[in-house]
Amino acid sequence: MQDATQDLINRTIRGDQQALAELFSQFRPTLWRMVNFRLHPQLQGRIDVDDVLQEAWLKASSQIGRFITDASQSPFVWFRMIVSQTLVDLHRRHLGAAKRSTAKEFSIDSGWSPESTSYSIAYHLLGSVTSPSNAAVRMEMSRQLDTAMQGMNDIDREVLALRHFEELTNAETALVLNMSEQAASARYVRAIARLKTVLQTFSDFREGAREQR
């Protein structure tokens, strides 16, 4: 598999669009999860994740000439950066600066902002543990989750998002965050322990709410 991937990289460096397309297809499931996780709730149902990836692919295809300098060492990180920029552009286009500070949401140097990552984690966690019809419980859990997320180190929070929600491997997470695999692994263990504490708090809160009925 590694030899086949390296062959695709070599062909892409020579300007082979088909090779670039095959590389993109390799990473598509992972990129799909990223878009699904980062897409703003107001755009869920209005924008299809596959449409975001198609727009990102067109951008990547038009930038094949930069592949040798920007992506030959890590095509995955390059594709992910392009998909991230595409997603930010879509947020800006559909929501506007007044509703979401997309200009500060993602940057090439630092990735997704801590605020954006916290927001995405909260949205997906609340969707998995609460019913939309129970507004009071959802509001209280949102408050507790926000407190818990604010107490987490920014990098640990990003590692949690990448490993637990985007389902990246430890090696992929280390590449995205430009750290060693050992450091990424240690941070994930710490972050997932904090997440389990948060989920237990949610469980205790729901049990208490049921008893008060």
Protein backbone atom coordinates (compact mmCIF):
# COMPACT_ATOMS: atom_id res chain seq x y z
CA MET A 1 0.00 0.00 0.00
CA GLN A 2 2.82 2.41 0.86
CA ASP A 3 4.55 1.68 -2.44
CA ALA A 4 1.28 2.28 -4.33
CA THR A 5 0.72 5.57 -2.52
CA GLN A 6 4.27 6.70 -3.21
CA ASP A 7 3.75 5.87 -6.88
CA LEU A 8 0.64 8.09 -6.91
CA ILE A 9 2.62 10.88 -5.25
CA ASN A 10 5.39 10.60 -7.84
CA ARG A 11 2.88 10.65 -10.69
CA THR A 12 1.09 13.66 -9.19
CA ILE A 13 4.37 15.56 -8.94
CA ARG A 14 4.71 15.02 -12.68
CA GLY A 15 1.27 16.60 -13.17
CA ASP A 16 -0.90 13.46 -13.43
CA GLN A 17 -4.47 14.57 -12.55
CA GLN A 18 -5.71 10.97 -12.35
CA ALA A 19 -3.10 10.16 -9.73
CA LEU A 20 -4.17 13.22 -7.73
CA ALA A 21 -7.78 12.06 -7.95
CA GLU A 22 -6.83 8.60 -6.66
CA LEU A 23 -4.95 10.16 -3.73
CA PHE A 24 -7.97 12.30 -2.89
CA SER A 25 -10.20 9.22 -3.00
CA GLN A 26 -7.92 7.48 -0.48
CA PHE A 27 -8.47 10.26 2.05
CA ARG A 28 -12.10 11.02 1.18
CA PRO A 29 -13.73 9.08 4.10
CA THR A 30 -11.52 10.88 6.62
CA LEU A 31 -12.14 14.26 4.98
CA TRP A 32 -15.88 13.53 4.95
CA ARG A 33 -15.84 13.03 8.73
CA MET A 34 -13.97 16.31 9.18
CA VAL A 35 -16.54 18.29 7.20
CA ASN A 36 -19.44 16.58 8.97
CA PHE A 37 -17.88 17.44 12.33
CA ARG A 38 -16.95 21.05 11.52
CA LEU A 39 -20.03 22.08 9.53
CA HIS A 40 -22.03 24.70 11.41
CA PRO A 41 -25.40 23.42 12.78
CA GLN A 42 -27.28 26.08 10.83
CA LEU A 43 -25.89 24.58 7.63
CA GLN A 44 -26.65 20.97 8.53
CA GLY A 45 -29.25 19.83 6.03
CA ARG A 46 -28.69 22.86 3.79
CA ILE A 47 -25.24 21.92 2.56
CA ASP A 48 -24.31 18.38 1.61
CA VAL A 49 -20.93 17.17 2.84
CA ASP A 50 -20.21 15.61 -0.55
CA ASP A 51 -20.76 18.98 -2.22
CA VAL A 52 -18.15 20.52 0.09
CA LEU A 53 -15.68 17.80 -0.85
CA GLN A 54 -16.42 18.27 -4.56
CA GLU A 55 -15.68 21.99 -4.30
CA ALA A 56 -12.48 21.23 -2.37
CA TRP A 57 -11.44 18.70 -5.02
CA LEU A 58 -11.80 21.29 -7.77
CA LYS A 59 -9.54 23.62 -5.78
CA ALA A 60 -6.97 20.88 -5.23
CA SER A 61 -7.06 19.95 -8.90
CA SER A 62 -6.42 23.54 -9.94
CA GLN A 63 -3.43 23.71 -7.57
CA ILE A 64 -1.67 20.53 -8.73
CA GLY A 65 1.31 22.63 -9.76
CA ARG A 66 1.94 23.43 -6.08
CA PHE A 67 1.81 19.77 -5.02
CA ILE A 68 5.54 19.21 -5.16
CA THR A 69 6.26 22.06 -2.72
CA ASP A 70 3.16 21.91 -0.52
CA ALA A 71 2.08 18.28 -0.40
CA SER A 72 4.71 15.81 -1.63
CA GLN A 73 5.65 14.90 1.97
CA SER A 74 2.08 14.71 3.28
CA PRO A 75 -0.76 14.71 0.74
CA PHE A 76 -3.27 14.12 3.53
CA VAL A 77 -2.39 17.32 5.39
CA TRP A 78 -2.48 19.27 2.10
CA PHE A 79 -5.91 17.94 1.14
CA ARG A 80 -7.18 18.58 4.66
CA MET A 81 -5.99 22.18 4.55
CA ILE A 82 -7.79 22.77 1.25
CA VAL A 83 -11.00 21.17 2.55
CA SER A 84 -10.78 23.30 5.71
CA GLN A 85 -10.36 26.50 3.70
CA THR A 86 -13.30 25.48 1.50
CA LEU A 87 -15.46 24.92 4.57
CA VAL A 88 -14.56 28.30 6.02
CA ASP A 89 -15.43 29.97 2.71
CA LEU A 90 -18.82 28.25 2.74
CA HIS A 91 -19.48 29.38 6.31
CA ARG A 92 -18.65 32.94 5.32
CA ARG A 93 -20.80 32.74 2.20
CA HIS A 94 -23.89 31.31 3.91
CA LEU A 95 -23.71 32.75 7.42
CA GLY A 96 -21.85 36.01 7.03
CA ALA A 97 -19.29 37.62 9.32
CA ALA A 98 -21.96 38.87 11.71
CA LYS A 99 -23.02 35.36 12.69
CA ARG A 100 -19.67 33.58 12.63
CA SER A 101 -16.15 34.94 12.76
CA THR A 102 -14.88 32.76 9.95
CA ALA A 103 -11.84 34.92 9.35
CA LYS A 104 -10.45 33.76 12.69
CA GLU A 105 -11.87 30.25 12.51
CA PHE A 106 -9.10 28.60 10.55
CA SER A 107 -5.59 29.55 9.53
CA ILE A 108 -2.88 27.66 7.67
CA ASP A 109 -0.42 28.14 10.52
CA SER A 110 -2.56 27.25 13.53
CA GLY A 111 -5.49 25.23 12.17
CA TRP A 112 -8.98 25.50 13.65
CA SER A 113 -9.49 27.97 16.47
CA PRO A 114 -10.10 26.65 20.01
CA GLU A 115 -13.54 28.32 20.02
CA SER A 116 -14.57 26.64 16.78
CA THR A 117 -13.38 23.23 17.98
CA SER A 118 -15.18 23.60 21.31
CA TYR A 119 -18.38 24.59 19.51
CA SER A 120 -18.22 21.54 17.24
CA ILE A 121 -17.49 19.16 20.12
CA ALA A 122 -20.39 20.59 22.14
CA TYR A 123 -22.81 20.30 19.23
CA HIS A 124 -22.02 16.65 18.54
CA LEU A 125 -21.86 15.63 22.19
CA LEU A 126 -25.18 17.30 23.02
CA GLY A 127 -26.78 15.69 19.99
CA SER A 128 -25.75 12.26 21.24
CA VAL A 129 -26.83 12.60 24.88
CA THR A 130 -29.91 14.84 24.88
CA SER A 131 -33.26 15.09 23.19
CA PRO A 132 -33.89 18.30 21.20
CA SER A 133 -37.33 18.51 22.83
CA ASN A 134 -35.89 18.89 26.32
CA ALA A 135 -34.62 22.46 26.07
CA ALA A 136 -33.98 22.94 29.80
CA VAL A 137 -31.80 19.85 30.11
CA ARG A 138 -29.98 20.70 26.88
CA MET A 139 -29.27 24.26 28.06
CA GLU A 140 -27.87 23.10 31.40
CA MET A 141 -25.74 20.43 29.77
CA SER A 142 -24.48 23.00 27.28
CA ARG A 143 -23.40 25.21 30.17
CA GLN A 144 -21.62 22.34 31.92
CA LEU A 145 -19.94 21.21 28.74
CA ASP A 146 -18.72 24.72 27.97
CA THR A 147 -17.19 24.92 31.44
CA ALA A 148 -15.49 21.57 30.97
CA MET A 149 -14.15 22.45 27.53
CA GLN A 150 -12.77 25.78 28.77
CA GLY A 151 -10.82 23.88 31.39
CA MET A 152 -9.12 21.71 28.77
CA ASN A 153 -5.82 22.62 27.17
CA ASP A 154 -6.31 23.95 23.60
CA ILE A 155 -4.05 21.31 22.05
CA ASP A 156 -5.64 18.50 24.08
CA ARG A 157 -9.06 19.68 22.87
CA GLU A 158 -7.89 19.61 19.26
CA VAL A 159 -6.39 16.14 19.69
CA LEU A 160 -9.72 15.00 21.11
CA ALA A 161 -11.57 16.42 18.12
CA LEU A 162 -9.21 14.81 15.62
CA ARG A 163 -9.04 11.38 17.24
CA HIS A 164 -12.52 10.95 18.72
CA PHE A 165 -14.76 12.87 16.32
CA GLU A 166 -12.87 12.99 13.01
CA GLU A 167 -11.51 9.49 13.71
CA LEU A 168 -7.97 10.20 12.58
CA THR A 169 -5.24 7.75 13.48
CA ASN A 170 -2.61 8.81 15.97
CA ALA A 171 -0.10 9.18 13.13
CA GLU A 172 -2.49 11.40 11.14
CA THR A 173 -3.20 13.50 14.22
CA ALA A 174 0.51 14.01 14.81
CA LEU A 175 0.95 15.11 11.19
CA VAL A 176 -1.91 17.60 11.33
CA LEU A 177 -0.68 19.14 14.59
CA ASN A 178 3.03 18.90 13.70
CA MET A 179 3.98 16.93 16.81
CA SER A 180 5.47 13.54 17.58
CA GLU A 181 3.21 10.50 17.64
CA GLN A 182 4.21 9.91 21.26
CA ALA A 183 3.07 13.41 22.24
CA ALA A 184 -0.19 13.06 20.30
CA SER A 185 -0.92 9.74 22.01
CA ALA A 186 -0.24 11.12 25.49
CA ARG A 187 -2.47 14.13 24.89
CA TYR A 188 -5.29 11.93 23.60
CA VAL A 189 -5.20 9.72 26.70
CA ARG A 190 -5.45 12.85 28.85
CA ALA A 191 -8.23 14.37 26.75
CA ILE A 192 -10.34 11.21 26.57
CA ALA A 193 -10.14 10.86 30.35
CA ARG A 194 -11.51 14.40 30.66
CA LEU A 195 -14.26 13.61 28.15
CA LYS A 196 -15.34 10.54 30.14
CA THR A 197 -15.62 12.74 33.23
CA VAL A 198 -17.81 15.18 31.30
CA LEU A 199 -20.06 12.38 30.01
CA GLN A 200 -20.42 10.97 33.51
CA THR A 201 -21.50 14.40 34.70
CA PHE A 202 -24.11 14.44 31.94
CA SER A 203 -25.35 11.01 33.01
CA ASP A 204 -25.63 12.07 36.65
CA PHE A 205 -27.46 15.25 35.64
CA ARG A 206 -30.01 13.33 33.55
CA GLU A 207 -30.63 10.86 36.34
CA GLY A 208 -31.23 13.73 38.74
CA ALA A 209 -33.62 15.36 36.31
CA ARG A 210 -35.64 12.14 36.01
CA GLU A 211 -35.89 11.80 39.80
CA GLN A 212 -37.29 15.32 40.12
CA ARG A 213 -40.17 14.62 37.72
